PDB file of N, CA and C in Angstrom:
ATOM      1  N   UNK A   1      19.977 -39.084 -41.557  1.00  0.00           N
ATOM      2  CA  UNK A   1      19.400 -37.931 -42.656  1.00  0.00           C
ATOM      3  C   UNK A   1      19.529 -36.552 -42.098  1.00  0.00           C
ATOM      4  N   UNK A   2      19.055 -36.286 -40.836  1.00  0.00           N
ATOM      5  CA  UNK A   2      19.088 -34.979 -40.459  1.00  0.00           C
ATOM      6  C   UNK A   2      20.887 -34.495 -40.279  1.00  0.00           C
ATOM      7  N   UNK A   3      21.636 -35.339 -39.800  1.00  0.00           N
ATOM      8  CA  UNK A   3      22.727 -34.928 -39.793  1.00  0.00           C
ATOM      9  C   UNK A   3      23.697 -34.568 -41.625  1.00  0.00           C
ATOM     10  N   UNK A   4      23.087 -35.510 -42.321  1.00  0.00           N
ATOM     11  CA  UNK A   4      23.454 -34.926 -43.733  1.00  0.00           C
ATOM     12  C   UNK A   4      22.881 -33.492 -44.122  1.00  0.00           C
ATOM     13  N   UNK A   5      21.745 -33.378 -43.779  1.00  0.00           N
ATOM     14  CA  UNK A   5      21.445 -32.201 -43.901  1.00  0.00           C
ATOM     15  C   UNK A   5      22.002 -30.966 -43.348  1.00  0.00           C
ATOM     16  N   UNK A   6      22.334 -31.198 -42.270  1.00  0.00           N
ATOM     17  CA  UNK A   6      22.796 -30.201 -41.582  1.00  0.00           C
ATOM     18  C   UNK A   6      24.255 -29.867 -42.007  1.00  0.00           C
ATOM     19  N   UNK A   7      24.968 -31.059 -42.216  1.00  0.00           N
ATOM     20  CA  UNK A   7      26.122 -30.849 -43.075  1.00  0.00           C
ATOM     21  C   UNK A   7      26.252 -30.027 -44.065  1.00  0.00           C
ATOM     22  N   UNK A   8      25.335 -30.321 -45.137  1.00  0.00           N
ATOM     23  CA  UNK A   8      25.030 -29.661 -46.423  1.00  0.00           C
ATOM     24  C   UNK A   8      24.505 -28.297 -45.998  1.00  0.00           C
ATOM     25  N   UNK A   9      23.766 -27.884 -45.002  1.00  0.00           N
ATOM     26  CA  UNK A   9      23.553 -26.645 -44.807  1.00  0.00           C
ATOM     27  C   UNK A   9      24.854 -25.767 -44.280  1.00  0.00           C
ATOM     28  N   UNK A  10      25.550 -26.422 -43.637  1.00  0.00           N
ATOM     29  CA  UNK A  10      26.789 -25.575 -42.939  1.00  0.00           C
ATOM     30  C   UNK A  10      28.001 -25.631 -44.469  1.00  0.00           C
ATOM     31  N   UNK A  11      28.216 -26.504 -45.146  1.00  0.00           N
ATOM     32  CA  UNK A  11      29.034 -26.536 -46.193  1.00  0.00           C
ATOM     33  C   UNK A  11      28.723 -25.905 -47.546  1.00  0.00           C
ATOM     34  N   UNK A  12      27.496 -25.896 -47.812  1.00  0.00           N
ATOM     35  CA  UNK A  12      27.199 -25.310 -48.874  1.00  0.00           C
ATOM     36  C   UNK A  12      26.397 -23.930 -48.917  1.00  0.00           C
ATOM     37  N   UNK A  13      25.731 -23.809 -47.636  1.00  0.00           N
ATOM     38  CA  UNK A  13      25.159 -22.539 -47.430  1.00  0.00           C
ATOM     39  C   UNK A  13      25.491 -21.578 -46.244  1.00  0.00           C
ATOM     40  N   UNK A  14      26.879 -22.251 -45.773  1.00  0.00           N
ATOM     41  CA  UNK A  14      27.465 -21.410 -44.784  1.00  0.00           C
ATOM     42  C   UNK A  14      26.706 -21.170 -43.403  1.00  0.00           C
ATOM     43  N   UNK A  15      25.806 -22.166 -42.934  1.00  0.00           N
ATOM     44  CA  UNK A  15      25.228 -21.849 -41.718  1.00  0.00           C
ATOM     45  C   UNK A  15      26.259 -21.719 -40.550  1.00  0.00           C
ATOM     46  N   UNK A  16      25.887 -20.949 -39.639  1.00  0.00           N
ATOM     47  CA  UNK A  16      26.689 -20.684 -38.719  1.00  0.00           C
ATOM     48  C   UNK A  16      26.361 -22.065 -37.568  1.00  0.00           C
ATOM     49  N   UNK A  17      27.199 -22.179 -36.542  1.00  0.00           N
ATOM     50  CA  UNK A  17      26.882 -23.350 -35.587  1.00  0.00           C
ATOM     51  C   UNK A  17      25.632 -23.073 -34.874  1.00  0.00           C
ATOM     52  N   UNK A  18      25.510 -21.531 -34.615  1.00  0.00           N
ATOM     53  CA  UNK A  18      23.871 -21.258 -33.849  1.00  0.00           C
ATOM     54  C   UNK A  18      22.804 -21.522 -34.996  1.00  0.00           C
ATOM     55  N   UNK A  19      23.052 -21.171 -36.208  1.00  0.00           N
ATOM     56  CA  UNK A  19      21.928 -21.324 -37.197  1.00  0.00           C
ATOM     57  C   UNK A  19      21.579 -23.147 -37.370  1.00  0.00           C
ATOM     58  N   UNK A  20      22.531 -23.745 -37.258  1.00  0.00           N
ATOM     59  CA  UNK A  20      22.531 -25.167 -37.375  1.00  0.00           C
ATOM     60  C   UNK A  20      21.934 -25.774 -36.064  1.00  0.00           C
ATOM     61  N   UNK A  21      22.275 -25.283 -34.798  1.00  0.00           N
ATOM     62  CA  UNK A  21      21.428 -25.694 -33.592  1.00  0.00           C
ATOM     63  C   UNK A  21      19.791 -25.436 -33.780  1.00  0.00           C
ATOM     64  N   UNK A  22      19.586 -24.275 -34.026  1.00  0.00           N
ATOM     65  CA  UNK A  22      18.255 -23.633 -34.426  1.00  0.00           C
ATOM     66  C   UNK A  22      17.474 -24.641 -35.117  1.00  0.00           C
ATOM     67  N   UNK A  23      18.185 -24.737 -36.493  1.00  0.00           N
ATOM     68  CA  UNK A  23      17.661 -25.596 -37.569  1.00  0.00           C
ATOM     69  C   UNK A  23      17.385 -27.018 -37.118  1.00  0.00           C
ATOM     70  N   UNK A  24      18.216 -27.563 -36.317  1.00  0.00           N
ATOM     71  CA  UNK A  24      18.102 -29.015 -35.862  1.00  0.00           C
ATOM     72  C   UNK A  24      16.960 -28.992 -34.862  1.00  0.00           C
ATOM     73  N   UNK A  25      16.634 -28.002 -34.078  1.00  0.00           N
ATOM     74  CA  UNK A  25      15.598 -28.085 -33.072  1.00  0.00           C
ATOM     75  C   UNK A  25      14.353 -27.998 -33.854  1.00  0.00           C
ATOM     76  N   UNK A  26      14.414 -27.145 -34.767  1.00  0.00           N
ATOM     77  CA  UNK A  26      13.075 -26.825 -35.625  1.00  0.00           C
ATOM     78  C   UNK A  26      12.707 -28.219 -36.351  1.00  0.00           C
ATOM     79  N   UNK A  27      13.686 -28.904 -37.040  1.00  0.00           N
ATOM     80  CA  UNK A  27      13.432 -30.081 -37.539  1.00  0.00           C
ATOM     81  C   UNK A  27      12.926 -31.186 -36.754  1.00  0.00           C
ATOM     82  N   UNK A  28      13.478 -31.358 -35.618  1.00  0.00           N
ATOM     83  CA  UNK A  28      12.923 -32.397 -34.650  1.00  0.00           C
ATOM     84  C   UNK A  28      11.549 -32.009 -34.106  1.00  0.00           C
ATOM     85  N   UNK A  29      11.218 -30.707 -33.990  1.00  0.00           N
ATOM     86  CA  UNK A  29      10.029 -30.168 -33.528  1.00  0.00           C
ATOM     87  C   UNK A  29       8.762 -30.501 -34.366  1.00  0.00           C
ATOM     88  N   UNK A  30       9.276 -30.414 -35.676  1.00  0.00           N
ATOM     89  CA  UNK A  30       8.199 -30.678 -36.829  1.00  0.00           C
ATOM     90  C   UNK A  30       8.135 -31.837 -37.435  1.00  0.00           C
ATOM     91  N   UNK A  31       8.820 -32.715 -37.055  1.00  0.00           N
ATOM     92  CA  UNK A  31       8.997 -33.853 -37.749  1.00  0.00           C
ATOM     93  C   UNK A  31       8.669 -35.266 -36.929  1.00  0.00           C
ATOM     94  N   UNK A  32       8.495 -36.179 -37.556  1.00  0.00           N
ATOM     95  CA  UNK A  32       8.258 -37.625 -37.010  1.00  0.00           C
ATOM     96  C   UNK A  32       9.326 -38.640 -37.273  1.00  0.00           C
ATOM     97  N   UNK A  33       9.596 -39.097 -36.536  1.00  0.00           N
ATOM     98  CA  UNK A  33      10.641 -40.337 -36.669  1.00  0.00           C
ATOM     99  C   UNK A  33      10.242 -41.588 -37.337  1.00  0.00           C
ATOM    100  N   UNK A  34      10.848 -41.696 -38.457  1.00  0.00           N
ATOM    101  CA  UNK A  34      10.319 -42.705 -39.312  1.00  0.00           C
ATOM    102  C   UNK A  34      11.681 -44.241 -39.198  1.00  0.00           C
ATOM    103  N   UNK A  35      11.263 -45.370 -38.780  1.00  0.00           N
ATOM    104  CA  UNK A  35      12.180 -46.107 -38.697  1.00  0.00           C
ATOM    105  C   UNK A  35      12.327 -47.031 -40.041  1.00  0.00           C
ATOM    106  N   UNK A  36      13.312 -47.109 -40.879  1.00  0.00           N
ATOM    107  CA  UNK A  36      13.193 -47.735 -42.145  1.00  0.00           C
ATOM    108  C   UNK A  36      13.810 -49.272 -42.007  1.00  0.00           C
ATOM    109  N   UNK A  37      13.703 -49.866 -42.769  1.00  0.00           N
ATOM    110  CA  UNK A  37      14.337 -51.425 -42.756  1.00  0.00           C
ATOM    111  C   UNK A  37      15.627 -51.435 -43.589  1.00  0.00           C
ATOM    112  N   UNK A  38      15.945 -50.479 -44.519  1.00  0.00           N
ATOM    113  CA  UNK A  38      17.053 -50.452 -45.266  1.00  0.00           C
ATOM    114  C   UNK A  38      17.315 -51.495 -46.355  1.00  0.00           C
ATOM    115  N   UNK A  39      15.972 -52.030 -46.711  1.00  0.00           N
ATOM    116  CA  UNK A  39      15.893 -53.221 -47.815  1.00  0.00           C
ATOM    117  C   UNK A  39      15.336 -52.478 -49.018  1.00  0.00           C
ATOM    118  N   UNK A  40      14.951 -51.232 -49.175  1.00  0.00           N
ATOM    119  CA  UNK A  40      14.443 -50.467 -50.403  1.00  0.00           C
ATOM    120  C   UNK A  40      15.547 -50.519 -51.565  1.00  0.00           C
ATOM    121  N   UNK A  41      15.145 -50.947 -52.558  1.00  0.00           N
ATOM    122  CA  UNK A  41      16.209 -50.830 -53.692  1.00  0.00           C
ATOM    123  C   UNK A  41      15.541 -50.004 -54.984  1.00  0.00           C
ATOM    124  N   UNK A  42      15.525 -48.744 -54.924  1.00  0.00           N
ATOM    125  CA  UNK A  42      15.340 -47.905 -55.903  1.00  0.00           C
ATOM    126  C   UNK A  42      16.288 -47.423 -56.920  1.00  0.00           C
ATOM    127  N   UNK A  43      17.733 -47.113 -56.452  1.00  0.00           N
ATOM    128  CA  UNK A  43      18.479 -46.305 -56.938  1.00  0.00           C
ATOM    129  C   UNK A  43      19.824 -47.252 -56.953  1.00  0.00           C
ATOM    130  N   UNK A  44      19.973 -47.811 -58.242  1.00  0.00           N
ATOM    131  CA  UNK A  44      20.945 -48.750 -58.393  1.00  0.00           C
ATOM    132  C   UNK A  44      22.216 -47.880 -58.426  1.00  0.00           C
ATOM    133  N   UNK A  45      22.280 -46.753 -59.002  1.00  0.00           N
ATOM    134  CA  UNK A  45      23.739 -46.029 -59.090  1.00  0.00           C
ATOM    135  C   UNK A  45      24.066 -45.423 -57.703  1.00  0.00           C
ATOM    136  N   UNK A  46      23.202 -45.255 -56.883  1.00  0.00           N
ATOM    137  CA  UNK A  46      23.684 -44.900 -55.463  1.00  0.00           C
ATOM    138  C   UNK A  46      22.753 -45.118 -54.386  1.00  0.00           C
ATOM    139  N   UNK A  47      22.919 -46.510 -54.140  1.00  0.00           N
ATOM    140  CA  UNK A  47      22.063 -47.269 -53.126  1.00  0.00           C
ATOM    141  C   UNK A  47      21.854 -46.654 -51.573  1.00  0.00           C
ATOM    142  N   UNK A  48      22.790 -45.701 -51.552  1.00  0.00           N
ATOM    143  CA  UNK A  48      22.642 -44.992 -50.019  1.00  0.00           C
ATOM    144  C   UNK A  48      21.598 -44.008 -49.940  1.00  0.00           C
ATOM    145  N   UNK A  49      21.203 -43.448 -51.284  1.00  0.00           N
ATOM    146  CA  UNK A  49      20.053 -42.648 -51.448  1.00  0.00           C
ATOM    147  C   UNK A  49      18.464 -43.351 -51.237  1.00  0.00           C
ATOM    148  N   UNK A  50      18.661 -44.864 -51.152  1.00  0.00           N
ATOM    149  CA  UNK A  50      17.456 -45.493 -51.120  1.00  0.00           C
ATOM    150  C   UNK A  50      16.841 -45.212 -49.697  1.00  0.00           C
ATOM    151  N   UNK A  51      17.563 -44.718 -48.646  1.00  0.00           N
ATOM    152  CA  UNK A  51      16.775 -44.548 -47.255  1.00  0.00           C
ATOM    153  C   UNK A  51      16.192 -43.460 -47.492  1.00  0.00           C
ATOM    154  N   UNK A  52      16.277 -42.297 -48.399  1.00  0.00           N
ATOM    155  CA  UNK A  52      15.452 -41.235 -48.422  1.00  0.00           C
ATOM    156  C   UNK A  52      14.174 -41.455 -49.142  1.00  0.00           C
ATOM    157  N   UNK A  53      14.252 -42.593 -50.043  1.00  0.00           N
ATOM    158  CA  UNK A  53      12.757 -42.897 -50.698  1.00  0.00           C
ATOM    159  C   UNK A  53      12.113 -43.441 -49.839  1.00  0.00           C
ATOM    160  N   UNK A  54      12.736 -44.597 -49.040  1.00  0.00           N
ATOM    161  CA  UNK A  54      11.947 -45.440 -48.134  1.00  0.00           C
ATOM    162  C   UNK A  54      11.402 -44.730 -47.115  1.00  0.00           C
ATOM    163  N   UNK A  55      12.026 -43.751 -46.554  1.00  0.00           N
ATOM    164  CA  UNK A  55      11.580 -43.007 -45.433  1.00  0.00           C
ATOM    165  C   UNK A  55      10.317 -41.992 -46.016  1.00  0.00           C
ATOM    166  N   UNK A  56      10.579 -41.727 -47.276  1.00  0.00           N
ATOM    167  CA  UNK A  56       9.455 -40.771 -47.653  1.00  0.00           C
ATOM    168  C   UNK A  56       8.152 -41.656 -47.904  1.00  0.00           C
ATOM    169  N   UNK A  57       8.443 -42.778 -48.403  1.00  0.00           N
ATOM    170  CA  UNK A  57       7.088 -43.887 -48.486  1.00  0.00           C
ATOM    171  C   UNK A  57       6.278 -44.438 -47.152  1.00  0.00           C
ATOM    172  N   UNK A  58       7.517 -44.570 -46.349  1.00  0.00           N
ATOM    173  CA  UNK A  58       6.868 -44.996 -44.838  1.00  0.00           C
ATOM    174  C   UNK A  58       6.176 -43.850 -44.280  1.00  0.00           C
ATOM    175  N   UNK A  59       6.680 -42.617 -44.422  1.00  0.00           N
ATOM    176  CA  UNK A  59       6.430 -41.524 -43.816  1.00  0.00           C
ATOM    177  C   UNK A  59       5.101 -40.738 -44.416  1.00  0.00           C
ATOM    178  N   UNK A  60       4.768 -41.331 -45.587  1.00  0.00           N
ATOM    179  CA  UNK A  60       3.571 -40.898 -46.395  1.00  0.00           C
ATOM    180  C   UNK A  60       3.899 -39.205 -46.929  1.00  0.00           C
ATOM    181  N   UNK A  61       5.148 -39.045 -47.292  1.00  0.00           N
ATOM    182  CA  UNK A  61       5.599 -37.733 -47.686  1.00  0.00           C
ATOM    183  C   UNK A  61       4.615 -37.337 -48.958  1.00  0.00           C
ATOM    184  N   UNK A  62       4.647 -36.003 -48.887  1.00  0.00           N
ATOM    185  CA  UNK A  62       3.874 -35.560 -50.264  1.00  0.00           C
ATOM    186  C   UNK A  62       4.896 -35.024 -51.081  1.00  0.00           C
ATOM    187  N   UNK A  63       6.189 -35.018 -50.891  1.00  0.00           N
ATOM    188  CA  UNK A  63       7.371 -34.560 -51.827  1.00  0.00           C
ATOM    189  C   UNK A  63       8.616 -35.039 -51.193  1.00  0.00           C
ATOM    190  N   UNK A  64       9.605 -35.172 -51.998  1.00  0.00           N
ATOM    191  CA  UNK A  64      10.952 -35.251 -51.630  1.00  0.00           C
ATOM    192  C   UNK A  64      11.604 -34.364 -52.434  1.00  0.00           C
ATOM    193  N   UNK A  65      12.381 -33.438 -51.499  1.00  0.00           N
ATOM    194  CA  UNK A  65      13.126 -32.258 -52.021  1.00  0.00           C
ATOM    195  C   UNK A  65      14.556 -32.540 -52.001  1.00  0.00           C
ATOM    196  N   UNK A  66      15.344 -32.545 -53.115  1.00  0.00           N
ATOM    197  CA  UNK A  66      16.788 -32.900 -53.327  1.00  0.00           C
ATOM    198  C   UNK A  66      17.516 -32.283 -54.380  1.00  0.00           C
ATOM    199  N   UNK A  67      18.585 -32.145 -54.218  1.00  0.00           N
ATOM    200  CA  UNK A  67      19.413 -31.345 -55.429  1.00  0.00           C
ATOM    201  C   UNK A  67      20.115 -32.682 -56.258  1.00  0.00           C
ATOM    202  N   UNK A  68      20.014 -33.953 -55.389  1.00  0.00           N
ATOM    203  CA  UNK A  68      20.769 -35.101 -55.758  1.00  0.00           C
ATOM    204  C   UNK A  68      20.186 -35.638 -57.172  1.00  0.00           C
ATOM    205  N   UNK A  69      21.191 -35.892 -58.211  1.00  0.00           N
ATOM    206  CA  UNK A  69      20.541 -36.328 -59.468  1.00  0.00           C
ATOM    207  C   UNK A  69      20.050 -37.650 -59.697  1.00  0.00           C
ATOM    208  N   UNK A  70      20.523 -38.281 -58.596  1.00  0.00           N
ATOM    209  CA  UNK A  70      20.040 -39.980 -58.748  1.00  0.00           C
ATOM    210  C   UNK A  70      18.486 -40.210 -58.183  1.00  0.00           C
ATOM    211  N   UNK A  71      18.111 -39.167 -57.130  1.00  0.00           N
ATOM    212  CA  UNK A  71      16.901 -38.885 -56.694  1.00  0.00           C
ATOM    213  C   UNK A  71      16.051 -38.160 -57.877  1.00  0.00           C
ATOM    214  N   UNK A  72      16.625 -37.263 -58.266  1.00  0.00           N
ATOM    215  CA  UNK A  72      15.642 -36.242 -59.195  1.00  0.00           C
ATOM    216  C   UNK A  72      15.495 -37.005 -60.441  1.00  0.00           C
ATOM    217  N   UNK A  73      16.510 -38.117 -60.950  1.00  0.00           N
ATOM    218  CA  UNK A  73      16.020 -38.773 -62.203  1.00  0.00           C
ATOM    219  C   UNK A  73      14.904 -39.560 -62.002  1.00  0.00           C
ATOM    220  N   UNK A  74      14.858 -40.005 -60.806  1.00  0.00           N
ATOM    221  CA  UNK A  74      13.553 -40.967 -60.387  1.00  0.00           C
ATOM    222  C   UNK A  74      12.238 -40.082 -60.838  1.00  0.00           C
ATOM    223  N   UNK A  75      11.931 -38.947 -60.748  1.00  0.00           N
ATOM    224  CA  UNK A  75      10.926 -38.073 -61.326  1.00  0.00           C
ATOM    225  C   UNK A  75      10.096 -38.256 -60.026  1.00  0.00           C
ATOM    226  N   UNK A  76       9.271 -39.282 -60.155  1.00  0.00           N
ATOM    227  CA  UNK A  76       8.197 -39.672 -59.080  1.00  0.00           C
ATOM    228  C   UNK A  76       8.436 -41.261 -58.683  1.00  0.00           C
ATOM    229  N   UNK A  77       8.263 -41.416 -57.506  1.00  0.00           N
ATOM    230  CA  UNK A  77       8.110 -42.835 -57.021  1.00  0.00           C
ATOM    231  C   UNK A  77       6.956 -43.069 -55.908  1.00  0.00           C
ATOM    232  N   UNK A  78       6.212 -44.140 -56.486  1.00  0.00           N
ATOM    233  CA  UNK A  78       5.171 -44.355 -55.679  1.00  0.00           C
ATOM    234  C   UNK A  78       4.235 -43.140 -55.349  1.00  0.00           C
ATOM    235  N   UNK A  79       3.946 -42.507 -56.453  1.00  0.00           N
ATOM    236  CA  UNK A  79       3.157 -41.311 -56.435  1.00  0.00           C
ATOM    237  C   UNK A  79       3.958 -39.890 -55.535  1.00  0.00           C
ATOM    238  N   UNK A  80       5.128 -39.992 -55.159  1.00  0.00           N
ATOM    239  CA  UNK A  80       5.754 -38.988 -54.714  1.00  0.00           C
ATOM    240  C   UNK A  80       6.529 -38.308 -55.468  1.00  0.00           C
ATOM    241  N   UNK A  81       6.281 -36.988 -55.833  1.00  0.00           N
ATOM    242  CA  UNK A  81       7.042 -36.343 -56.594  1.00  0.00           C
ATOM    243  C   UNK A  81       8.587 -35.829 -56.096  1.00  0.00           C
ATOM    244  N   UNK A  82       9.434 -35.836 -56.746  1.00  0.00           N
ATOM    245  CA  UNK A  82      10.915 -35.868 -56.181  1.00  0.00           C
ATOM    246  C   UNK A  82      11.159 -34.471 -57.026  1.00  0.00           C
ATOM    247  N   UNK A  83      11.564 -33.402 -56.230  1.00  0.00           N
ATOM    248  CA  UNK A  83      11.624 -32.114 -56.721  1.00  0.00           C
ATOM    249  C   UNK A  83      13.122 -31.324 -56.278  1.00  0.00           C
ATOM    250  N   UNK A  84      13.579 -30.884 -57.060  1.00  0.00           N
ATOM    251  CA  UNK A  84      14.678 -30.043 -56.667  1.00  0.00           C
ATOM    252  C   UNK A  84      13.922 -28.580 -55.858  1.00  0.00           C
ATOM    253  N   UNK A  85      14.950 -28.074 -55.143  1.00  0.00           N
ATOM    254  CA  UNK A  85      14.672 -26.922 -54.242  1.00  0.00           C
ATOM    255  C   UNK A  85      13.784 -25.901 -54.851  1.00  0.00           C
ATOM    256  N   UNK A  86      14.166 -25.505 -56.000  1.00  0.00           N
ATOM    257  CA  UNK A  86      13.457 -24.408 -56.701  1.00  0.00           C
ATOM    258  C   UNK A  86      12.088 -24.706 -57.112  1.00  0.00           C
ATOM    259  N   UNK A  87      11.886 -25.921 -57.735  1.00  0.00           N
ATOM    260  CA  UNK A  87      10.705 -26.461 -58.006  1.00  0.00           C
ATOM    261  C   UNK A  87       9.857 -26.516 -56.939  1.00  0.00           C
ATOM    262  N   UNK A  88      10.306 -27.070 -55.885  1.00  0.00           N
ATOM    263  CA  UNK A  88       9.444 -27.214 -54.600  1.00  0.00           C
ATOM    264  C   UNK A  88       8.985 -25.894 -54.033  1.00  0.00           C
ATOM    265  N   UNK A  89       9.803 -25.025 -54.089  1.00  0.00           N
ATOM    266  CA  UNK A  89       9.362 -23.663 -53.495  1.00  0.00           C
ATOM    267  C   UNK A  89       8.473 -23.011 -54.426  1.00  0.00           C
ATOM    268  N   UNK A  90       8.361 -23.185 -55.925  1.00  0.00           N
ATOM    269  CA  UNK A  90       7.632 -22.736 -56.736  1.00  0.00           C
ATOM    270  C   UNK A  90       6.174 -23.441 -56.720  1.00  0.00           C
ATOM    271  N   UNK A  91       6.238 -24.723 -56.640  1.00  0.00           N
ATOM    272  CA  UNK A  91       4.944 -25.420 -56.230  1.00  0.00           C
ATOM    273  C   UNK A  91       4.384 -24.967 -55.100  1.00  0.00           C
ATOM    274  N   UNK A  92       5.105 -24.711 -53.856  1.00  0.00           N
ATOM    275  CA  UNK A  92       4.537 -24.201 -52.694  1.00  0.00           C
ATOM    276  C   UNK A  92       3.946 -22.856 -52.911  1.00  0.00           C
ATOM    277  N   UNK A  93       4.549 -21.958 -53.650  1.00  0.00           N
ATOM    278  CA  UNK A  93       4.078 -20.741 -53.827  1.00  0.00           C
ATOM    279  C   UNK A  93       2.652 -20.605 -54.427  1.00  0.00           C
ATOM    280  N   UNK A  94       2.343 -21.774 -55.412  1.00  0.00           N
ATOM    281  CA  UNK A  94       1.179 -21.774 -56.009  1.00  0.00           C
ATOM    282  C   UNK A  94       0.219 -22.713 -55.329  1.00  0.00           C
ATOM    283  N   UNK A  95       0.331 -22.750 -54.136  1.00  0.00           N
ATOM    284  CA  UNK A  95      -0.835 -23.447 -53.411  1.00  0.00           C
ATOM    285  C   UNK A  95      -1.538 -22.457 -52.358  1.00  0.00           C
TER     286      UNK A  95
END
């Protein structure tokens, strides 16, 4: 999942190699590794996205932040809101 995020940051947001290295270090410094089973089935249209949902549930996430329409269409899963980046930042600004 980290690799997918870093690839997205590079291709969509033009992060430099140095920025990617720094970001990767920061992610690992503030995160916890969660082992998933791969058996979760929430998104029939794009089953590879199930890993994000399962990770969020097992990791007791307070939100899933994504631009992926398959995830966003779920709205909320097991009490976890699924937000696009703009809505997440707006919600964080109101806390």
